[in-house]
Amino acid sequence: MDILWFLLIGLIAGWLAGQIMQGGGYGIIGDIVVGIVGSIVGGFLFDLLGITAYGTLGSIVMAVVGAILLITILRMIKHA
């Protein structure tokens, strides 16, 4: 059951990051991948800054922040 929550949070975070970054979505699989990688990046960033995210909403916020950072870095590399 935990893997389903992980994938659902990844999907939500990836979709939200795509909407916030004005790039639209990346499809279901792309949104999940962006959200999962974003959650790893966000977890690292939050830990580095000493911020703790609690609960499902905190996990989504952390993953969205990480996904936005990931998308920004990928766009900078693509345009370089």
C-alpha atoms as a PDB file:
ATOM      1  CA  MET A   1       0.000   0.000   0.000  1.00  0.00           C
ATOM      2  CA  ASP A   2       2.919   2.360   0.681  1.00  0.00           C
ATOM      3  CA  ILE A   3       4.086   2.141  -2.929  1.00  0.00           C
ATOM      4  CA  LEU A   4       0.645   3.299  -4.096  1.00  0.00           C
ATOM      5  CA  TRP A   5       0.840   6.381  -1.847  1.00  0.00           C
ATOM      6  CA  PHE A   6       4.372   7.045  -3.099  1.00  0.00           C
ATOM      7  CA  LEU A   7       3.217   6.874  -6.736  1.00  0.00           C
ATOM      8  CA  LEU A   8       0.094   8.954  -6.039  1.00  0.00           C
ATOM      9  CA  ILE A   9       2.098  11.679  -4.299  1.00  0.00           C
ATOM     10  CA  GLY A  10       4.605  11.574  -7.179  1.00  0.00           C
ATOM     11  CA  LEU A  11       1.785  11.949  -9.708  1.00  0.00           C
ATOM     12  CA  ILE A  12       0.207  14.868  -7.839  1.00  0.00           C
ATOM     13  CA  ALA A  13       3.560  16.610  -7.295  1.00  0.00           C
ATOM     14  CA  GLY A  14       4.658  16.146 -10.910  1.00  0.00           C
ATOM     15  CA  TRP A  15       1.355  17.446 -12.240  1.00  0.00           C
ATOM     16  CA  LEU A  16       1.369  20.458  -9.896  1.00  0.00           C
ATOM     17  CA  ALA A  17       4.970  21.298 -10.792  1.00  0.00           C
ATOM     18  CA  GLY A  18       4.128  21.089 -14.495  1.00  0.00           C
ATOM     19  CA  GLN A  19       1.198  23.449 -14.003  1.00  0.00           C
ATOM     20  CA  ILE A  20       3.192  25.910 -11.898  1.00  0.00           C
ATOM     21  CA  MET A  21       6.110  25.939 -14.345  1.00  0.00           C
ATOM     22  CA  GLN A  22       3.795  26.731 -17.299  1.00  0.00           C
ATOM     23  CA  GLY A  23       4.993  23.661 -19.177  1.00  0.00           C
ATOM     24  CA  GLY A  24       1.819  21.678 -18.930  1.00  0.00           C
ATOM     25  CA  GLY A  25       1.916  18.081 -17.835  1.00  0.00           C
ATOM     26  CA  TYR A  26       4.307  15.396 -18.961  1.00  0.00           C
ATOM     27  CA  GLY A  27       1.745  12.608 -19.167  1.00  0.00           C
ATOM     28  CA  ILE A  28       0.954  10.249 -16.322  1.00  0.00           C
ATOM     29  CA  ILE A  29       4.285   8.396 -16.382  1.00  0.00           C
ATOM     30  CA  GLY A  30       6.294  11.606 -16.867  1.00  0.00           C
ATOM     31  CA  ASP A  31       4.455  13.324 -14.015  1.00  0.00           C
ATOM     32  CA  ILE A  32       5.115  10.366 -11.723  1.00  0.00           C
ATOM     33  CA  VAL A  33       8.820  10.333 -12.629  1.00  0.00           C
ATOM     34  CA  VAL A  34       9.166  14.109 -12.180  1.00  0.00           C
ATOM     35  CA  GLY A  35       7.278  13.901  -8.876  1.00  0.00           C
ATOM     36  CA  ILE A  36       9.332  10.993  -7.522  1.00  0.00           C
ATOM     37  CA  VAL A  37      12.665  12.519  -8.507  1.00  0.00           C
ATOM     38  CA  GLY A  38      11.350  15.848  -7.223  1.00  0.00           C
ATOM     39  CA  SER A  39      10.516  14.271  -3.874  1.00  0.00           C
ATOM     40  CA  ILE A  40      14.097  13.034  -3.586  1.00  0.00           C
ATOM     41  CA  VAL A  41      15.469  16.469  -4.525  1.00  0.00           C
ATOM     42  CA  GLY A  42      12.970  18.195  -2.220  1.00  0.00           C
ATOM     43  CA  GLY A  43      13.792  15.851   0.651  1.00  0.00           C
ATOM     44  CA  PHE A  44      17.489  16.583   0.245  1.00  0.00           C
ATOM     45  CA  LEU A  45      16.859  20.340   0.018  1.00  0.00           C
ATOM     46  CA  PHE A  46      14.505  20.418   3.020  1.00  0.00           C
ATOM     47  CA  ASP A  47      16.989  18.369   5.066  1.00  0.00           C
ATOM     48  CA  LEU A  48      19.804  20.715   4.056  1.00  0.00           C
ATOM     49  CA  LEU A  49      17.757  23.722   5.176  1.00  0.00           C
ATOM     50  CA  GLY A  50      16.569  22.019   8.375  1.00  0.00           C
ATOM     51  CA  ILE A  51      12.896  22.055   7.349  1.00  0.00           C
ATOM     52  CA  THR A  52      10.635  19.168   8.330  1.00  0.00           C
ATOM     53  CA  ALA A  53       7.523  18.240   6.325  1.00  0.00           C
ATOM     54  CA  TYR A  54       4.804  16.303   8.164  1.00  0.00           C
ATOM     55  CA  GLY A  55       1.954  14.276   6.737  1.00  0.00           C
ATOM     56  CA  THR A  56       0.676  13.817   3.242  1.00  0.00           C
ATOM     57  CA  LEU A  57       0.310  17.530   2.524  1.00  0.00           C
ATOM     58  CA  GLY A  58       3.867  18.172   3.708  1.00  0.00           C
ATOM     59  CA  SER A  59       5.138  15.377   1.478  1.00  0.00           C
ATOM     60  CA  ILE A  60       3.311  16.835  -1.518  1.00  0.00           C
ATOM     61  CA  VAL A  61       4.670  20.343  -0.838  1.00  0.00           C
ATOM     62  CA  MET A  62       8.207  18.980  -0.466  1.00  0.00           C
ATOM     63  CA  ALA A  63       7.909  16.954  -3.675  1.00  0.00           C
ATOM     64  CA  VAL A  64       6.463  19.914  -5.609  1.00  0.00           C
ATOM     65  CA  VAL A  65       9.309  22.189  -4.484  1.00  0.00           C
ATOM     66  CA  GLY A  66      11.835  19.553  -5.534  1.00  0.00           C
ATOM     67  CA  ALA A  67      10.080  18.945  -8.860  1.00  0.00           C
ATOM     68  CA  ILE A  68      10.013  22.687  -9.623  1.00  0.00           C
ATOM     69  CA  LEU A  69      13.734  22.872  -8.894  1.00  0.00           C
ATOM     70  CA  LEU A  70      14.328  19.805 -11.069  1.00  0.00           C
ATOM     71  CA  ILE A  71      12.325  21.235 -13.982  1.00  0.00           C
ATOM     72  CA  THR A  72      14.158  24.569 -13.678  1.00  0.00           C
ATOM     73  CA  ILE A  73      17.559  22.871 -13.782  1.00  0.00           C
ATOM     74  CA  LEU A  74      16.545  20.678 -16.724  1.00  0.00           C
ATOM     75  CA  ARG A  75      15.281  23.707 -18.672  1.00  0.00           C
ATOM     76  CA  MET A  76      18.527  25.589 -17.981  1.00  0.00           C
ATOM     77  CA  ILE A  77      20.567  22.631 -19.261  1.00  0.00           C
ATOM     78  CA  LYS A  78      18.334  22.247 -22.316  1.00  0.00           C
ATOM     79  CA  HIS A  79      18.695  25.913 -23.298  1.00  0.00           C
ATOM     80  CA  ALA A  80      22.445  26.074 -22.642  1.00  0.00           C
END
